[in-house]
N, C-alpha and C. Protein backbone atom coordinates (compact mmCIF):
# COMPACT_ATOMS: atom_id res chain seq x y z
N MET A 1 49.16 48.77 186.42
CA MET A 1 49.25 50.17 186.08
C MET A 1 50.47 50.36 185.18
N ASN A 2 50.30 51.13 184.13
CA ASN A 2 51.36 51.41 183.17
C ASN A 2 51.47 52.92 183.04
N LYS A 3 52.37 53.54 183.81
CA LYS A 3 52.53 55.00 183.79
C LYS A 3 54.01 55.32 183.95
N VAL A 4 54.51 56.24 183.14
CA VAL A 4 55.91 56.64 183.21
C VAL A 4 55.99 58.17 183.19
N PHE A 5 56.95 58.71 183.95
CA PHE A 5 57.22 60.15 183.99
C PHE A 5 58.69 60.34 183.67
N LEU A 6 58.99 61.17 182.68
CA LEU A 6 60.37 61.40 182.26
C LEU A 6 60.63 62.88 182.05
N ILE A 7 61.84 63.32 182.37
CA ILE A 7 62.30 64.66 182.03
C ILE A 7 63.58 64.50 181.25
N GLY A 8 63.63 65.10 180.08
CA GLY A 8 64.83 64.98 179.25
C GLY A 8 64.84 66.01 178.14
N ASN A 9 65.85 65.89 177.27
CA ASN A 9 66.03 66.81 176.16
C ASN A 9 65.83 66.07 174.84
N LEU A 10 65.18 66.75 173.88
CA LEU A 10 64.97 66.17 172.57
C LEU A 10 66.31 65.93 171.88
N THR A 11 66.46 64.77 171.27
CA THR A 11 67.69 64.44 170.56
C THR A 11 67.59 64.77 169.07
N ARG A 12 66.39 65.07 168.61
CA ARG A 12 66.17 65.45 167.21
C ARG A 12 64.89 66.26 167.14
N ASP A 13 64.69 66.96 166.04
CA ASP A 13 63.46 67.72 165.85
C ASP A 13 62.27 66.77 165.76
N PRO A 14 61.10 67.20 166.26
CA PRO A 14 59.90 66.36 166.16
C PRO A 14 59.48 66.18 164.70
N GLU A 15 58.89 65.03 164.41
CA GLU A 15 58.37 64.74 163.07
C GLU A 15 56.86 64.61 163.18
N LEU A 16 56.13 65.48 162.49
CA LEU A 16 54.67 65.47 162.51
C LEU A 16 54.15 64.83 161.23
N SER A 17 53.19 63.92 161.37
CA SER A 17 52.56 63.29 160.22
C SER A 17 51.10 63.02 160.56
N THR A 18 50.37 62.52 159.58
CA THR A 18 48.98 62.13 159.81
C THR A 18 48.83 60.66 159.43
N VAL A 19 47.90 59.99 160.12
CA VAL A 19 47.66 58.57 159.85
C VAL A 19 46.16 58.32 159.81
N GLY A 20 45.79 57.25 159.11
CA GLY A 20 44.40 56.80 159.09
C GLY A 20 43.50 57.61 158.18
N ALA A 21 42.28 57.14 158.05
CA ALA A 21 41.29 57.78 157.19
C ALA A 21 40.90 59.16 157.69
N ASN A 22 41.00 59.38 159.01
CA ASN A 22 40.65 60.68 159.58
C ASN A 22 41.82 61.65 159.62
N ASN A 23 42.98 61.25 159.06
CA ASN A 23 44.18 62.09 159.09
C ASN A 23 44.51 62.57 160.50
N THR A 24 44.57 61.64 161.43
CA THR A 24 44.90 61.95 162.82
C THR A 24 46.37 62.34 162.92
N SER A 25 46.64 63.47 163.58
CA SER A 25 48.02 63.96 163.73
C SER A 25 48.78 63.10 164.73
N VAL A 26 50.03 62.80 164.39
CA VAL A 26 50.91 62.08 165.30
C VAL A 26 52.30 62.71 165.19
N CYS A 27 52.90 62.97 166.34
CA CYS A 27 54.22 63.57 166.41
C CYS A 27 55.16 62.57 167.07
N ARG A 28 56.34 62.41 166.48
CA ARG A 28 57.33 61.48 167.04
C ARG A 28 58.66 62.20 167.24
N PHE A 29 59.29 61.92 168.37
CA PHE A 29 60.63 62.44 168.65
C PHE A 29 61.27 61.54 169.69
N SER A 30 62.51 61.80 170.00
CA SER A 30 63.19 61.02 171.03
C SER A 30 63.79 61.97 172.05
N ILE A 31 63.91 61.48 173.29
CA ILE A 31 64.51 62.29 174.34
C ILE A 31 65.64 61.51 175.02
N ALA A 32 66.59 62.27 175.52
CA ALA A 32 67.69 61.72 176.31
C ALA A 32 67.41 62.04 177.77
N VAL A 33 67.47 61.01 178.63
CA VAL A 33 67.18 61.17 180.05
C VAL A 33 68.39 60.69 180.84
N ASN A 34 68.91 61.55 181.70
CA ASN A 34 70.07 61.19 182.53
C ASN A 34 69.62 60.45 183.78
N ARG A 35 70.44 59.49 184.20
CA ARG A 35 70.18 58.77 185.44
C ARG A 35 71.52 58.41 186.08
N ARG A 36 71.48 58.21 187.38
CA ARG A 36 72.68 57.81 188.11
C ARG A 36 72.72 56.29 188.19
N ALA A 37 73.90 55.74 187.94
CA ALA A 37 74.10 54.29 188.01
C ALA A 37 75.43 54.04 188.70
N GLY A 38 75.38 53.63 189.96
CA GLY A 38 76.59 53.32 190.70
C GLY A 38 77.54 54.50 190.83
N GLY A 39 77.01 55.67 191.05
CA GLY A 39 77.84 56.86 191.19
C GLY A 39 78.19 57.53 189.87
N ASN A 40 77.90 56.88 188.77
CA ASN A 40 78.15 57.46 187.44
C ASN A 40 76.84 57.93 186.83
N GLN A 41 76.94 58.92 185.96
CA GLN A 41 75.75 59.37 185.25
C GLN A 41 75.69 58.69 183.89
N GLU A 42 74.56 58.10 183.58
CA GLU A 42 74.35 57.46 182.29
C GLU A 42 73.13 58.08 181.63
N THR A 43 73.03 57.92 180.33
CA THR A 43 71.93 58.49 179.57
C THR A 43 71.14 57.38 178.90
N ASP A 44 69.82 57.44 179.05
CA ASP A 44 68.90 56.53 178.37
C ASP A 44 68.16 57.33 177.30
N PHE A 45 67.81 56.66 176.22
CA PHE A 45 67.11 57.30 175.12
C PHE A 45 65.74 56.65 174.94
N TYR A 46 64.71 57.48 174.78
CA TYR A 46 63.34 57.00 174.65
C TYR A 46 62.70 57.58 173.40
N ASN A 47 62.01 56.74 172.65
CA ASN A 47 61.17 57.21 171.55
C ASN A 47 59.83 57.63 172.14
N VAL A 48 59.33 58.77 171.69
CA VAL A 48 58.08 59.32 172.22
C VAL A 48 57.10 59.53 171.07
N THR A 49 55.85 59.15 171.29
CA THR A 49 54.77 59.37 170.34
C THR A 49 53.70 60.21 171.03
N VAL A 50 53.25 61.27 170.34
CA VAL A 50 52.22 62.17 170.89
C VAL A 50 51.15 62.35 169.82
N TRP A 51 49.88 62.18 170.20
CA TRP A 51 48.77 62.19 169.25
C TRP A 51 47.99 63.50 169.27
N ARG A 52 47.32 63.77 168.16
CA ARG A 52 46.33 64.83 167.97
C ARG A 52 46.88 66.22 168.27
N ALA A 53 46.09 67.08 168.90
CA ALA A 53 46.45 68.49 169.10
C ALA A 53 47.73 68.65 169.92
N LEU A 54 47.91 67.79 170.91
CA LEU A 54 49.14 67.87 171.71
C LEU A 54 50.36 67.59 170.85
N GLY A 55 50.25 66.64 169.95
CA GLY A 55 51.34 66.36 169.02
C GLY A 55 51.61 67.53 168.09
N GLU A 56 50.55 68.18 167.62
CA GLU A 56 50.72 69.35 166.76
C GLU A 56 51.44 70.47 167.51
N ASN A 57 51.09 70.67 168.79
CA ASN A 57 51.77 71.69 169.59
C ASN A 57 53.24 71.34 169.81
N CYS A 58 53.53 70.07 170.03
CA CYS A 58 54.93 69.66 170.19
C CYS A 58 55.72 69.99 168.93
N ALA A 59 55.17 69.66 167.77
CA ALA A 59 55.87 69.92 166.51
C ALA A 59 56.08 71.41 166.29
N LYS A 60 55.17 72.22 166.80
CA LYS A 60 55.24 73.67 166.59
C LYS A 60 56.19 74.36 167.56
N PHE A 61 56.25 73.92 168.81
CA PHE A 61 56.92 74.70 169.84
C PHE A 61 58.22 74.12 170.41
N ILE A 62 58.56 72.88 170.07
CA ILE A 62 59.82 72.33 170.58
C ILE A 62 60.66 71.83 169.42
N LYS A 63 61.96 71.72 169.68
CA LYS A 63 62.87 71.19 168.67
C LYS A 63 64.06 70.58 169.37
N LYS A 64 65.00 70.09 168.60
CA LYS A 64 66.19 69.43 169.15
C LYS A 64 66.80 70.30 170.25
N GLY A 65 67.05 69.68 171.41
CA GLY A 65 67.64 70.39 172.55
C GLY A 65 66.63 70.88 173.56
N SER A 66 65.35 70.98 173.19
CA SER A 66 64.32 71.44 174.13
C SER A 66 64.19 70.48 175.30
N LYS A 67 64.00 71.05 176.50
CA LYS A 67 63.78 70.22 177.69
C LYS A 67 62.27 70.07 177.88
N VAL A 68 61.84 68.82 178.10
CA VAL A 68 60.42 68.52 178.27
C VAL A 68 60.22 67.55 179.43
N ALA A 69 59.03 67.64 180.03
CA ALA A 69 58.57 66.65 181.00
C ALA A 69 57.43 65.90 180.32
N ILE A 70 57.49 64.59 180.38
CA ILE A 70 56.52 63.75 179.68
C ILE A 70 55.91 62.76 180.65
N SER A 71 54.60 62.58 180.54
CA SER A 71 53.96 61.47 181.24
C SER A 71 53.18 60.68 180.20
N GLY A 72 53.15 59.38 180.38
CA GLY A 72 52.45 58.55 179.42
C GLY A 72 52.58 57.08 179.77
N GLU A 73 52.41 56.25 178.77
CA GLU A 73 52.46 54.80 178.94
C GLU A 73 53.58 54.20 178.12
N ILE A 74 54.17 53.13 178.64
CA ILE A 74 55.15 52.35 177.88
C ILE A 74 54.39 51.43 176.93
N GLN A 75 54.83 51.39 175.68
CA GLN A 75 54.22 50.51 174.68
C GLN A 75 55.33 49.74 173.98
N ILE A 76 55.19 48.44 173.90
CA ILE A 76 56.19 47.60 173.25
C ILE A 76 55.67 47.19 171.88
N ARG A 77 56.50 47.44 170.86
CA ARG A 77 56.14 47.09 169.48
C ARG A 77 57.11 46.05 168.95
N ASN A 78 56.58 45.05 168.29
CA ASN A 78 57.40 44.06 167.60
C ASN A 78 57.27 44.32 166.11
N TYR A 79 58.39 44.30 165.40
CA TYR A 79 58.37 44.56 163.97
C TYR A 79 59.57 43.87 163.30
N GLU A 80 59.55 43.86 161.98
CA GLU A 80 60.68 43.33 161.21
C GLU A 80 61.39 44.49 160.54
N ASP A 81 62.74 44.48 160.61
CA ASP A 81 63.50 45.53 159.95
C ASP A 81 63.63 45.22 158.46
N LYS A 82 64.37 46.05 157.73
CA LYS A 82 64.48 45.90 156.28
C LYS A 82 65.14 44.59 155.86
N GLU A 83 65.97 44.04 156.74
CA GLU A 83 66.63 42.77 156.45
C GLU A 83 65.81 41.56 156.88
N GLY A 84 64.62 41.78 157.43
CA GLY A 84 63.76 40.69 157.86
C GLY A 84 64.02 40.21 159.28
N ASN A 85 64.87 40.91 160.02
CA ASN A 85 65.15 40.55 161.41
C ASN A 85 64.03 41.03 162.32
N LYS A 86 63.66 40.20 163.29
CA LYS A 86 62.62 40.60 164.25
C LYS A 86 63.24 41.54 165.28
N ARG A 87 62.55 42.65 165.51
CA ARG A 87 63.02 43.68 166.44
C ARG A 87 61.91 44.03 167.42
N THR A 88 62.31 44.58 168.55
CA THR A 88 61.38 45.07 169.55
C THR A 88 61.72 46.52 169.85
N SER A 89 60.71 47.35 169.92
CA SER A 89 60.90 48.76 170.24
C SER A 89 60.07 49.11 171.47
N VAL A 90 60.69 49.81 172.40
CA VAL A 90 59.98 50.28 173.58
C VAL A 90 59.75 51.77 173.40
N ASP A 91 58.49 52.18 173.32
CA ASP A 91 58.12 53.58 173.09
C ASP A 91 57.32 54.11 174.26
N VAL A 92 57.32 55.43 174.40
CA VAL A 92 56.46 56.11 175.36
C VAL A 92 55.37 56.80 174.56
N VAL A 93 54.11 56.47 174.84
CA VAL A 93 52.98 57.16 174.24
C VAL A 93 52.55 58.21 175.26
N ALA A 94 52.86 59.47 174.96
CA ALA A 94 52.66 60.55 175.92
C ALA A 94 51.23 61.05 175.92
N ASP A 95 50.67 61.25 177.12
CA ASP A 95 49.36 61.89 177.25
C ASP A 95 49.50 63.30 177.80
N ALA A 96 50.72 63.68 178.22
CA ALA A 96 50.99 65.04 178.68
C ALA A 96 52.45 65.37 178.38
N VAL A 97 52.67 66.57 177.85
CA VAL A 97 54.02 67.06 177.58
C VAL A 97 54.08 68.50 178.08
N GLU A 98 55.05 68.76 178.95
CA GLU A 98 55.25 70.12 179.45
C GLU A 98 56.57 70.64 178.91
N PHE A 99 56.52 71.83 178.31
CA PHE A 99 57.73 72.45 177.77
C PHE A 99 58.43 73.17 178.91
N LEU A 100 59.66 72.79 179.22
CA LEU A 100 60.34 73.29 180.42
C LEU A 100 61.30 74.44 180.16
N ASN A 101 61.64 74.72 178.92
CA ASN A 101 62.54 75.84 178.64
C ASN A 101 61.83 77.17 178.80
N ARG A 102 62.57 78.15 179.34
CA ARG A 102 62.05 79.52 179.31
C ARG A 102 62.18 80.02 177.88
N LYS A 103 61.45 81.08 177.56
CA LYS A 103 61.46 81.60 176.20
C LYS A 103 62.87 81.94 175.75
N ASP A 104 63.66 82.59 176.61
CA ASP A 104 64.99 83.03 176.21
C ASP A 104 66.00 81.90 176.08
N GLU A 105 65.68 80.70 176.58
CA GLU A 105 66.60 79.58 176.45
C GLU A 105 66.04 78.45 175.60
N ASN A 106 64.83 78.64 175.07
CA ASN A 106 64.20 77.60 174.26
C ASN A 106 64.81 77.60 172.86
N PRO A 107 65.24 76.45 172.36
CA PRO A 107 65.79 76.40 171.01
C PRO A 107 64.79 76.78 169.94
N SER A 108 63.50 76.76 170.24
CA SER A 108 62.49 77.09 169.25
C SER A 108 62.26 78.59 169.20
N SER A 109 62.54 79.19 168.06
CA SER A 109 62.33 80.63 167.93
C SER A 109 60.94 80.96 167.41
N SER A 110 60.15 79.93 167.08
CA SER A 110 58.82 80.18 166.52
C SER A 110 57.78 80.50 167.59
N TYR A 111 58.13 80.27 168.85
CA TYR A 111 57.18 80.49 169.93
C TYR A 111 57.43 81.86 170.54
N ASP A 112 56.50 82.78 170.38
CA ASP A 112 56.66 84.14 170.86
C ASP A 112 55.60 84.41 171.92
N GLN A 113 56.05 84.56 173.17
CA GLN A 113 55.11 84.79 174.26
C GLN A 113 54.81 86.27 174.47
N THR A 114 55.46 87.15 173.74
CA THR A 114 55.24 88.58 173.95
C THR A 114 53.84 88.95 173.51
N ASN A 115 53.31 89.94 174.15
CA ASN A 115 51.98 90.44 173.85
C ASN A 115 52.14 91.86 173.34
N ASN A 116 51.86 92.11 172.08
CA ASN A 116 52.08 93.41 171.48
C ASN A 116 50.85 94.30 171.59
N VAL A 117 50.32 94.44 172.78
CA VAL A 117 49.16 95.28 173.02
C VAL A 117 49.65 96.62 173.54
N GLU A 118 49.16 97.69 172.94
CA GLU A 118 49.57 99.02 173.39
C GLU A 118 48.85 99.36 174.69
N MET A 119 49.59 99.75 175.69
CA MET A 119 49.04 100.10 176.99
C MET A 119 48.82 101.61 177.04
N LYS A 120 47.61 102.02 177.44
CA LYS A 120 47.29 103.44 177.56
C LYS A 120 46.98 103.73 179.02
N PRO A 121 47.48 104.86 179.53
CA PRO A 121 47.19 105.20 180.93
C PRO A 121 45.70 105.50 181.12
N ILE A 122 45.20 105.16 182.30
CA ILE A 122 43.80 105.41 182.66
C ILE A 122 43.79 106.37 183.83
N ALA A 123 42.98 107.40 183.70
CA ALA A 123 42.86 108.38 184.79
C ALA A 123 42.14 107.74 185.97
N ASP A 124 42.56 108.08 187.20
CA ASP A 124 41.96 107.50 188.40
C ASP A 124 40.46 107.79 188.49
N ASP A 125 40.03 108.95 188.03
CA ASP A 125 38.62 109.30 188.16
C ASP A 125 37.74 108.51 187.18
N SER A 126 38.31 107.79 186.23
CA SER A 126 37.50 106.99 185.31
C SER A 126 37.32 105.55 185.80
N LEU A 127 37.97 105.18 186.91
CA LEU A 127 37.82 103.84 187.47
C LEU A 127 36.55 103.76 188.32
N PRO A 128 35.80 102.67 188.26
CA PRO A 128 34.53 102.56 188.98
C PRO A 128 34.68 102.25 190.46
N PHE A 129 35.86 102.23 191.01
CA PHE A 129 36.03 101.93 192.43
C PHE A 129 36.93 102.92 193.09
């Protein structure tokens, strides 16, 4: 079984791009996750990849500093850097992302939860019950 659950804060704004012939959306960002180690608090950093509509929503509604809960799988990638050195990257491919900030504390100002519907009073005698 390969499943990971993390809660942390974005260390940079999400980057949205498309890949492949079908222009599949992919969003990438990193999060900082605090953990206790021998009575001290340490921070681990994880690269996160989110695909399709969920990735588009991440790019739209979260930004650097946003708190998120992520579940997904660990994926190990081997690659060569610009100097030709072999490198390994450990990434989280998220299948669920929950935005944990309240609207008033969310760094993203583009997300507006208000509903601008005008409320009109209804007379009691017009109700069917």
